[in-house]
Amino acid sequence: MKWIAAILVLLLCGIASAVPTTGAGTDITSNGFNVSATGVTGTDCWVEWGDGAGLENWVTPNATASAGTASVQVIGAPIFGGEIVYYRACDVTGCGNEQHLIIASVTPVPQTTYGNLMRNITNSRFNPPVIIASLGSGYTANAPFVVIIGIALFFYMIGQWMRTKSVRMIAIVGILIAPFVMLGSNGLYLGIPSVGIMLAKGLLAAALAGILFSFARK
């Protein structure tokens, strides 16, 4: 009987299998990594992982082992960049040694300036001066806002003159809108430099003279 018992013990020891060996994590990104396992028994291998030592509460899908070796991908929430993850490889015989690694930090997406216009307006609670300044921000990267407005008004006046062959209406409109564009403290809050204001006064005098002259010719 002793010989039979000894033979049974040897047979049982021969068919017993050790748990897999957990390898170091590779291909570490901000939301996942790969784990290599060796000494896998059977064809199924998976990884249990968590955010604390001995707290492997999450399980990956089964990976297929070949010749006792498997590569298992761990990816997705609740993995977050910069945290420490503990993991161990498992198969039908149990789970192997525990390993840990640090997840790569997340690289922030560069913030663009495309939304600055609406951001400025909403942050100011739709303040009129901010609205006026923001509306022209797309055109004022290389030139002051008042210059852009001046160019637009210039071509408008040229178009009116070519159409009517008269500057009377242009002059009248210019006199009416001048207070809104000349000063930076009211109106459209544009503000014209002092040199521009002096030039505008000269043009105003010429416009008034032209209006009076045109009425006198009638």
Foldseek 3Di string as FASTA:
>chain_A
DVVVVVVVVVVVVVPDFDWWAWDDWAPFAFFWTKIKIARADDFWKKKFKDQDVVPRPDIAGTFTDDPRMTMYIDGDPPRGAQGKMKMWMGHPNGTHDIDIDHHHHDDDDDDDCPCVLVVQCVVVVNDQLSNLVSVCPVVPPPHAPLVVVVVVLVVVQVVVCVVPVDCLVVLVVCVVCVVQQDPLPDRNNRHDDPVVVVVVVVVNVVNVVRNVVVVVVD
